Amino acid sequence: MRCMFCKKEVLNQDKSLGRPISLPRRGIAHSNCAEEDLIEKRIFGSIHITEISLDDLYELRELVKTEIDDRVKHNNEQAEQQE
């Protein structure tokens, strides 16, 4: 079986390309090759970042920043309560 990205044998002893993984409805690949593909296509989870409009991307950025700030604040409050 060959990696769908690099076309090298997946089930061999060389682990430098990562462990073999199955990508549902796509095929088999090395874990490192699949990760590089996701980074190149800018996919996070099931979100295709490149397909989001610029206005929605700005809104998403603000939502993420707000969520991070809230979680950091919550974690800091919990840490202070434990002291």
PDB file of N, CA and C in Angstrom:
ATOM      1  N   MET A   1       0.840  -1.182   0.000  1.00  0.00           N
ATOM      2  CA  MET A   1       0.000   0.000   0.000  1.00  0.00           C
ATOM      3  C   MET A   1       0.885   1.245   0.000  1.00  0.00           C
ATOM      4  N   ARG A   2       0.475   2.227  -0.764  1.00  0.00           N
ATOM      5  CA  ARG A   2       1.275   3.443  -0.909  1.00  0.00           C
ATOM      6  C   ARG A   2       0.549   4.647  -0.325  1.00  0.00           C
ATOM      7  N   CYS A   3       1.321   5.562   0.196  1.00  0.00           N
ATOM      8  CA  CYS A   3       0.813   6.817   0.753  1.00  0.00           C
ATOM      9  C   CYS A   3       0.174   7.630  -0.371  1.00  0.00           C
ATOM     10  N   MET A   4      -0.999   8.158  -0.128  1.00  0.00           N
ATOM     11  CA  MET A   4      -1.697   8.928  -1.157  1.00  0.00           C
ATOM     12  C   MET A   4      -1.014  10.266  -1.450  1.00  0.00           C
ATOM     13  N   PHE A   5      -0.079  10.675  -0.593  1.00  0.00           N
ATOM     14  CA  PHE A   5       0.602  11.955  -0.790  1.00  0.00           C
ATOM     15  C   PHE A   5       1.993  11.790  -1.400  1.00  0.00           C
ATOM     16  N   CYS A   6       2.829  10.960  -0.767  1.00  0.00           N
ATOM     17  CA  CYS A   6       4.212  10.831  -1.233  1.00  0.00           C
ATOM     18  C   CYS A   6       4.431   9.621  -2.143  1.00  0.00           C
ATOM     19  N   LYS A   7       3.440   8.745  -2.214  1.00  0.00           N
ATOM     20  CA  LYS A   7       3.473   7.545  -3.062  1.00  0.00           C
ATOM     21  C   LYS A   7       4.480   6.497  -2.609  1.00  0.00           C
ATOM     22  N   LYS A   8       5.061   6.678  -1.416  1.00  0.00           N
ATOM     23  CA  LYS A   8       5.995   5.681  -0.885  1.00  0.00           C
ATOM     24  C   LYS A   8       5.209   4.614  -0.127  1.00  0.00           C
ATOM     25  N   GLU A   9       5.848   3.464   0.042  1.00  0.00           N
ATOM     26  CA  GLU A   9       5.232   2.358   0.760  1.00  0.00           C
ATOM     27  C   GLU A   9       4.904   2.786   2.190  1.00  0.00           C
ATOM     28  N   VAL A  10       3.674   2.498   2.623  1.00  0.00           N
ATOM     29  CA  VAL A  10       3.234   2.908   3.961  1.00  0.00           C
ATOM     30  C   VAL A  10       3.594   1.871   5.014  1.00  0.00           C
ATOM     31  N   LEU A  11       3.463   0.622   4.682  1.00  0.00           N
ATOM     32  CA  LEU A  11       3.689  -0.449   5.658  1.00  0.00           C
ATOM     33  C   LEU A  11       5.112  -0.974   5.595  1.00  0.00           C
ATOM     34  N   ASN A  12       6.070  -0.100   5.872  1.00  0.00           N
ATOM     35  CA  ASN A  12       7.468  -0.530   5.912  1.00  0.00           C
ATOM     36  C   ASN A  12       8.053  -0.226   7.285  1.00  0.00           C
ATOM     37  N   GLN A  13       9.288  -0.569   7.494  1.00  0.00           N
ATOM     38  CA  GLN A  13       9.925  -0.398   8.795  1.00  0.00           C
ATOM     39  C   GLN A  13      10.370   1.038   9.071  1.00  0.00           C
ATOM     40  N   ASP A  14      10.510   1.844   8.015  1.00  0.00           N
ATOM     41  CA  ASP A  14      10.975   3.225   8.157  1.00  0.00           C
ATOM     42  C   ASP A  14       9.851   4.090   8.718  1.00  0.00           C
ATOM     43  N   LYS A  15      10.019   4.591   9.918  1.00  0.00           N
ATOM     44  CA  LYS A  15       8.992   5.399  10.570  1.00  0.00           C
ATOM     45  C   LYS A  15       9.269   6.897  10.449  1.00  0.00           C
ATOM     46  N   SER A  16      10.232   7.290   9.625  1.00  0.00           N
ATOM     47  CA  SER A  16      10.584   8.706   9.507  1.00  0.00           C
ATOM     48  C   SER A  16       9.456   9.550   8.904  1.00  0.00           C
ATOM     49  N   LEU A  17       8.558   8.909   8.147  1.00  0.00           N
ATOM     50  CA  LEU A  17       7.428   9.628   7.559  1.00  0.00           C
ATOM     51  C   LEU A  17       6.179   9.535   8.433  1.00  0.00           C
ATOM     52  N   GLY A  18       6.308   8.901   9.572  1.00  0.00           N
ATOM     53  CA  GLY A  18       5.184   8.770  10.501  1.00  0.00           C
ATOM     54  C   GLY A  18       4.512   7.413  10.375  1.00  0.00           C
ATOM     55  N   ARG A  19       3.579   7.200  11.257  1.00  0.00           N
ATOM     56  CA  ARG A  19       2.853   5.935  11.298  1.00  0.00           C
ATOM     57  C   ARG A  19       1.789   5.904  10.203  1.00  0.00           C
ATOM     58  N   PRO A  20       1.416   4.721   9.749  1.00  0.00           N
ATOM     59  CA  PRO A  20       0.355   4.622   8.745  1.00  0.00           C
ATOM     60  C   PRO A  20      -0.993   5.007   9.355  1.00  0.00           C
ATOM     61  N   ILE A  21      -1.771   5.792   8.629  1.00  0.00           N
ATOM     62  CA  ILE A  21      -3.113   6.156   9.085  1.00  0.00           C
ATOM     63  C   ILE A  21      -4.077   6.006   7.911  1.00  0.00           C
ATOM     64  N   SER A  22      -5.334   5.787   8.260  1.00  0.00           N
ATOM     65  CA  SER A  22      -6.386   5.687   7.255  1.00  0.00           C
ATOM     66  C   SER A  22      -7.182   6.988   7.273  1.00  0.00           C
ATOM     67  N   LEU A  23      -7.346   7.579   6.117  1.00  0.00           N
ATOM     68  CA  LEU A  23      -8.136   8.797   5.985  1.00  0.00           C
ATOM     69  C   LEU A  23      -9.477   8.407   5.379  1.00  0.00           C
ATOM     70  N   PRO A  24     -10.558   8.481   6.161  1.00  0.00           N
ATOM     71  CA  PRO A  24     -11.867   8.037   5.679  1.00  0.00           C
ATOM     72  C   PRO A  24     -12.241   8.652   4.328  1.00  0.00           C
ATOM     73  N   ARG A  25     -12.722   7.818   3.456  1.00  0.00           N
ATOM     74  CA  ARG A  25     -13.160   8.190   2.106  1.00  0.00           C
ATOM     75  C   ARG A  25     -12.039   8.754   1.243  1.00  0.00           C
ATOM     76  N   ARG A  26     -10.786   8.659   1.709  1.00  0.00           N
ATOM     77  CA  ARG A  26      -9.666   9.188   0.923  1.00  0.00           C
ATOM     78  C   ARG A  26      -8.616   8.138   0.629  1.00  0.00           C
ATOM     79  N   GLY A  27      -8.154   7.453   1.644  1.00  0.00           N
ATOM     80  CA  GLY A  27      -7.117   6.450   1.432  1.00  0.00           C
ATOM     81  C   GLY A  27      -6.212   6.304   2.632  1.00  0.00           C
ATOM     82  N   ILE A  28      -5.023   5.776   2.396  1.00  0.00           N
ATOM     83  CA  ILE A  28      -4.043   5.535   3.449  1.00  0.00           C
ATOM     84  C   ILE A  28      -2.854   6.467   3.232  1.00  0.00           C
ATOM     85  N   ALA A  29      -2.223   6.865   4.352  1.00  0.00           N
ATOM     86  CA  ALA A  29      -1.109   7.815   4.253  1.00  0.00           C
ATOM     87  C   ALA A  29      -0.198   7.681   5.459  1.00  0.00           C
ATOM     88  N   HIS A  30       0.971   8.275   5.355  1.00  0.00           N
ATOM     89  CA  HIS A  30       1.837   8.443   6.526  1.00  0.00           C
ATOM     90  C   HIS A  30       1.254   9.593   7.344  1.00  0.00           C
ATOM     91  N   SER A  31       1.350   9.514   8.657  1.00  0.00           N
ATOM     92  CA  SER A  31       0.796  10.568   9.505  1.00  0.00           C
ATOM     93  C   SER A  31       1.446  11.925   9.215  1.00  0.00           C
ATOM     94  N   ASN A  32       2.763  11.942   8.993  1.00  0.00           N
ATOM     95  CA  ASN A  32       3.439  13.213   8.697  1.00  0.00           C
ATOM     96  C   ASN A  32       2.977  13.808   7.370  1.00  0.00           C
ATOM     97  N   CYS A  33       2.782  12.975   6.371  1.00  0.00           N
ATOM     98  CA  CYS A  33       2.325  13.450   5.058  1.00  0.00           C
ATOM     99  C   CYS A  33       0.924  14.039   5.170  1.00  0.00           C
ATOM    100  N   ALA A  34       0.045  13.368   5.922  1.00  0.00           N
ATOM    101  CA  ALA A  34      -1.325  13.857   6.088  1.00  0.00           C
ATOM    102  C   ALA A  34      -1.336  15.187   6.836  1.00  0.00           C
ATOM    103  N   GLU A  35      -0.482  15.309   7.862  1.00  0.00           N
ATOM    104  CA  GLU A  35      -0.410  16.556   8.627  1.00  0.00           C
ATOM    105  C   GLU A  35       0.094  17.696   7.751  1.00  0.00           C
ATOM    106  N   GLU A  36       1.105  17.443   6.948  1.00  0.00           N
ATOM    107  CA  GLU A  36       1.623  18.470   6.036  1.00  0.00           C
ATOM    108  C   GLU A  36       0.558  18.911   5.043  1.00  0.00           C
ATOM    109  N   ASP A  37      -0.249  17.968   4.578  1.00  0.00           N
ATOM    110  CA  ASP A  37      -1.319  18.300   3.648  1.00  0.00           C
ATOM    111  C   ASP A  37      -2.344  19.222   4.303  1.00  0.00           C
ATOM    112  N   LEU A  38      -2.707  18.925   5.555  1.00  0.00           N
ATOM    113  CA  LEU A  38      -3.668  19.771   6.269  1.00  0.00           C
ATOM    114  C   LEU A  38      -3.129  21.182   6.466  1.00  0.00           C
ATOM    115  N   ILE A  39      -1.855  21.275   6.807  1.00  0.00           N
ATOM    116  CA  ILE A  39      -1.241  22.590   7.011  1.00  0.00           C
ATOM    117  C   ILE A  39      -1.204  23.364   5.708  1.00  0.00           C
ATOM    118  N   GLU A  40      -0.827  22.682   4.639  1.00  0.00           N
ATOM    119  CA  GLU A  40      -0.735  23.333   3.333  1.00  0.00           C
ATOM    120  C   GLU A  40      -2.100  23.836   2.864  1.00  0.00           C
ATOM    121  N   LYS A  41      -3.139  23.045   3.117  1.00  0.00           N
ATOM    122  CA  LYS A  41      -4.488  23.431   2.694  1.00  0.00           C
ATOM    123  C   LYS A  41      -5.167  24.338   3.711  1.00  0.00           C
ATOM    124  N   ARG A  42      -4.525  24.556   4.840  1.00  0.00           N
ATOM    125  CA  ARG A  42      -5.049  25.369   5.933  1.00  0.00           C
ATOM    126  C   ARG A  42      -6.423  24.881   6.389  1.00  0.00           C
ATOM    127  N   ILE A  43      -6.413  23.633   6.849  1.00  0.00           N
ATOM    128  CA  ILE A  43      -7.626  23.010   7.365  1.00  0.00           C
ATOM    129  C   ILE A  43      -7.440  22.794   8.860  1.00  0.00           C
ATOM    130  N   PHE A  44      -8.426  23.215   9.636  1.00  0.00           N
ATOM    131  CA  PHE A  44      -8.404  22.995  11.076  1.00  0.00           C
ATOM    132  C   PHE A  44      -9.676  22.238  11.431  1.00  0.00           C
ATOM    133  N   GLY A  45      -9.521  21.020  11.939  1.00  0.00           N
ATOM    134  CA  GLY A  45     -10.691  20.179  12.175  1.00  0.00           C
ATOM    135  C   GLY A  45     -11.358  19.932  10.842  1.00  0.00           C
ATOM    136  N   SER A  46     -12.594  20.327  10.729  1.00  0.00           N
ATOM    137  CA  SER A  46     -13.286  20.204   9.438  1.00  0.00           C
ATOM    138  C   SER A  46     -13.492  21.569   8.793  1.00  0.00           C
ATOM    139  N   ILE A  47     -12.807  22.584   9.311  1.00  0.00           N
ATOM    140  CA  ILE A  47     -12.955  23.951   8.793  1.00  0.00           C
ATOM    141  C   ILE A  47     -11.876  24.212   7.752  1.00  0.00           C
ATOM    142  N   HIS A  48     -12.300  24.528   6.546  1.00  0.00           N
ATOM    143  CA  HIS A  48     -11.388  24.887   5.465  1.00  0.00           C
ATOM    144  C   HIS A  48     -11.186  26.403   5.512  1.00  0.00           C
ATOM    145  N   ILE A  49     -10.112  26.837   6.136  1.00  0.00           N
ATOM    146  CA  ILE A  49      -9.858  28.255   6.379  1.00  0.00           C
ATOM    147  C   ILE A  49      -9.878  29.070   5.088  1.00  0.00           C
ATOM    148  N   THR A  50      -9.333  28.524   4.017  1.00  0.00           N
ATOM    149  CA  THR A  50      -9.257  29.273   2.762  1.00  0.00           C
ATOM    150  C   THR A  50     -10.623  29.513   2.131  1.00  0.00           C
ATOM    151  N   GLU A  51     -11.642  28.774   2.565  1.00  0.00           N
ATOM    152  CA  GLU A  51     -12.977  28.934   2.000  1.00  0.00           C
ATOM    153  C   GLU A  51     -13.833  29.942   2.762  1.00  0.00           C
ATOM    154  N   ILE A  52     -13.315  30.473   3.861  1.00  0.00           N
ATOM    155  CA  ILE A  52     -14.070  31.447   4.654  1.00  0.00           C
ATOM    156  C   ILE A  52     -13.863  32.835   4.059  1.00  0.00           C
ATOM    157  N   SER A  53     -14.969  33.578   3.910  1.00  0.00           N
ATOM    158  CA  SER A  53     -14.850  34.939   3.368  1.00  0.00           C
ATOM    159  C   SER A  53     -14.033  35.799   4.332  1.00  0.00           C
ATOM    160  N   LEU A  54     -13.460  36.859   3.822  1.00  0.00           N
ATOM    161  CA  LEU A  54     -12.606  37.721   4.641  1.00  0.00           C
ATOM    162  C   LEU A  54     -13.378  38.315   5.816  1.00  0.00           C
ATOM    163  N   ASP A  55     -14.606  38.782   5.582  1.00  0.00           N
ATOM    164  CA  ASP A  55     -15.413  39.344   6.677  1.00  0.00           C
ATOM    165  C   ASP A  55     -15.670  38.302   7.758  1.00  0.00           C
ATOM    166  N   ASP A  56     -16.017  37.084   7.338  1.00  0.00           N
ATOM    167  CA  ASP A  56     -16.252  36.019   8.311  1.00  0.00           C
ATOM    168  C   ASP A  56     -14.966  35.624   9.029  1.00  0.00           C
ATOM    169  N   LEU A  57     -13.850  35.701   8.326  1.00  0.00           N
ATOM    170  CA  LEU A  57     -12.566  35.376   8.937  1.00  0.00           C
ATOM    171  C   LEU A  57     -12.215  36.382  10.032  1.00  0.00           C
ATOM    172  N   TYR A  58     -12.484  37.667   9.791  1.00  0.00           N
ATOM    173  CA  TYR A  58     -12.266  38.684  10.820  1.00  0.00           C
ATOM    174  C   TYR A  58     -13.171  38.434  12.027  1.00  0.00           C
ATOM    175  N   GLU A  59     -14.420  38.069  11.766  1.00  0.00           N
ATOM    176  CA  GLU A  59     -15.347  37.781  12.855  1.00  0.00           C
ATOM    177  C   GLU A  59     -14.884  36.559  13.651  1.00  0.00           C
ATOM    178  N   LEU A  60     -14.432  35.532  12.944  1.00  0.00           N
ATOM    179  CA  LEU A  60     -13.919  34.332  13.602  1.00  0.00           C
ATOM    180  C   LEU A  60     -12.717  34.668  14.477  1.00  0.00           C
ATOM    181  N   ARG A  61     -11.829  35.542  13.967  1.00  0.00           N
ATOM    182  CA  ARG A  61     -10.655  35.939  14.743  1.00  0.00           C
ATOM    183  C   ARG A  61     -11.075  36.598  16.053  1.00  0.00           C
ATOM    184  N   GLU A  62     -12.065  37.477  15.996  1.00  0.00           N
ATOM    185  CA  GLU A  62     -12.535  38.147  17.211  1.00  0.00           C
ATOM    186  C   GLU A  62     -13.169  37.150  18.182  1.00  0.00           C
ATOM    187  N   LEU A  63     -13.926  36.201  17.658  1.00  0.00           N
ATOM    188  CA  LEU A  63     -14.532  35.181  18.519  1.00  0.00           C
ATOM    189  C   LEU A  63     -13.465  34.340  19.199  1.00  0.00           C
ATOM    190  N   VAL A  64     -12.426  33.958  18.461  1.00  0.00           N
ATOM    191  CA  VAL A  64     -11.352  33.139  19.022  1.00  0.00           C
ATOM    192  C   VAL A  64     -10.582  33.927  20.083  1.00  0.00           C
ATOM    193  N   LYS A  65     -10.274  35.194  19.790  1.00  0.00           N
ATOM    194  CA  LYS A  65      -9.556  36.020  20.771  1.00  0.00           C
ATOM    195  C   LYS A  65     -10.371  36.172  22.051  1.00  0.00           C
ATOM    196  N   THR A  66     -11.677  36.381  21.923  1.00  0.00           N
ATOM    197  CA  THR A  66     -12.548  36.511  23.091  1.00  0.00           C
ATOM    198  C   THR A  66     -12.573  35.222  23.893  1.00  0.00           C
ATOM    199  N   GLU A  67     -12.671  34.095  23.198  1.00  0.00           N
ATOM    200  CA  GLU A  67     -12.692  32.798  23.873  1.00  0.00           C
ATOM    201  C   GLU A  67     -11.385  32.545  24.628  1.00  0.00           C
ATOM    202  N   ILE A  68     -10.270  32.854  24.006  1.00  0.00           N
ATOM    203  CA  ILE A  68      -8.967  32.680  24.657  1.00  0.00           C
ATOM    204  C   ILE A  68      -8.879  33.555  25.898  1.00  0.00           C
ATOM    205  N   ASP A  69      -9.259  34.825  25.775  1.00  0.00           N
ATOM    206  CA  ASP A  69      -9.219  35.739  26.919  1.00  0.00           C
ATOM    207  C   ASP A  69     -10.082  35.221  28.065  1.00  0.00           C
ATOM    208  N   ASP A  70     -11.288  34.737  27.749  1.00  0.00           N
ATOM    209  CA  ASP A  70     -12.188  34.214  28.785  1.00  0.00           C
ATOM    210  C   ASP A  70     -11.595  32.994  29.475  1.00  0.00           C
ATOM    211  N   ARG A  71     -10.993  32.108  28.702  1.00  0.00           N
ATOM    212  CA  ARG A  71     -10.410  30.895  29.298  1.00  0.00           C
ATOM    213  C   ARG A  71      -9.200  31.224  30.161  1.00  0.00           C
ATOM    214  N   VAL A  72      -8.360  32.133  29.707  1.00  0.00           N
ATOM    215  CA  VAL A  72      -7.190  32.529  30.495  1.00  0.00           C
ATOM    216  C   VAL A  72      -7.653  33.163  31.805  1.00  0.00           C
ATOM    217  N   LYS A  73      -8.636  34.035  31.722  1.00  0.00           N
ATOM    218  CA  LYS A  73      -9.173  34.688  32.927  1.00  0.00           C
ATOM    219  C   LYS A  73      -9.727  33.646  33.889  1.00  0.00           C
ATOM    220  N   HIS A  74     -10.493  32.689  33.353  1.00  0.00           N
ATOM    221  CA  HIS A  74     -11.083  31.634  34.184  1.00  0.00           C
ATOM    222  C   HIS A  74      -9.991  30.783  34.833  1.00  0.00           C
ATOM    223  N   ASN A  75      -8.970  30.414  34.073  1.00  0.00           N
ATOM    224  CA  ASN A  75      -7.869  29.605  34.617  1.00  0.00           C
ATOM    225  C   ASN A  75      -7.107  30.361  35.691  1.00  0.00           C
ATOM    226  N   ASN A  76      -6.884  31.667  35.474  1.00  0.00           N
ATOM    227  CA  ASN A  76      -6.188  32.474  36.479  1.00  0.00           C
ATOM    228  C   ASN A  76      -7.006  32.579  37.758  1.00  0.00           C
ATOM    229  N   GLU A  77      -8.315  32.744  37.624  1.00  0.00           N
ATOM    230  CA  GLU A  77      -9.194  32.809  38.811  1.00  0.00           C
ATOM    231  C   GLU A  77      -9.170  31.504  39.574  1.00  0.00           C
ATOM    232  N   GLN A  78      -9.182  30.392  38.868  1.00  0.00           N
ATOM    233  CA  GLN A  78      -9.138  29.079  39.527  1.00  0.00           C
ATOM    234  C   GLN A  78      -7.800  28.890  40.246  1.00  0.00           C
ATOM    235  N   ALA A  79      -6.714  29.323  39.619  1.00  0.00           N
ATOM    236  CA  ALA A  79      -5.399  29.187  40.243  1.00  0.00           C
ATOM    237  C   ALA A  79      -5.302  30.023  41.514  1.00  0.00           C
ATOM    238  N   GLU A  80      -5.885  31.206  41.495  1.00  0.00           N
ATOM    239  CA  GLU A  80      -5.866  32.071  42.674  1.00  0.00           C
ATOM    240  C   GLU A  80      -6.701  31.477  43.803  1.00  0.00           C
ATOM    241  N   GLN A  81      -7.800  30.831  43.475  1.00  0.00           N
ATOM    242  CA  GLN A  81      -8.651  30.208  44.499  1.00  0.00           C
ATOM    243  C   GLN A  81      -7.958  29.025  45.152  1.00  0.00           C
ATOM    244  N   GLN A  82      -7.075  28.373  44.437  1.00  0.00           N
ATOM    245  CA  GLN A  82      -6.389  27.203  44.989  1.00  0.00           C
ATOM    246  C   GLN A  82      -5.230  27.593  45.889  1.00  0.00           C
ATOM    247  N   GLU A  83      -4.831  28.841  45.832  1.00  0.00           N
ATOM    248  CA  GLU A  83      -3.685  29.266  46.666  1.00  0.00           C
ATOM    249  C   GLU A  83      -4.088  29.526  48.081  1.00  0.00           C
TER     250      GLU A  83
END
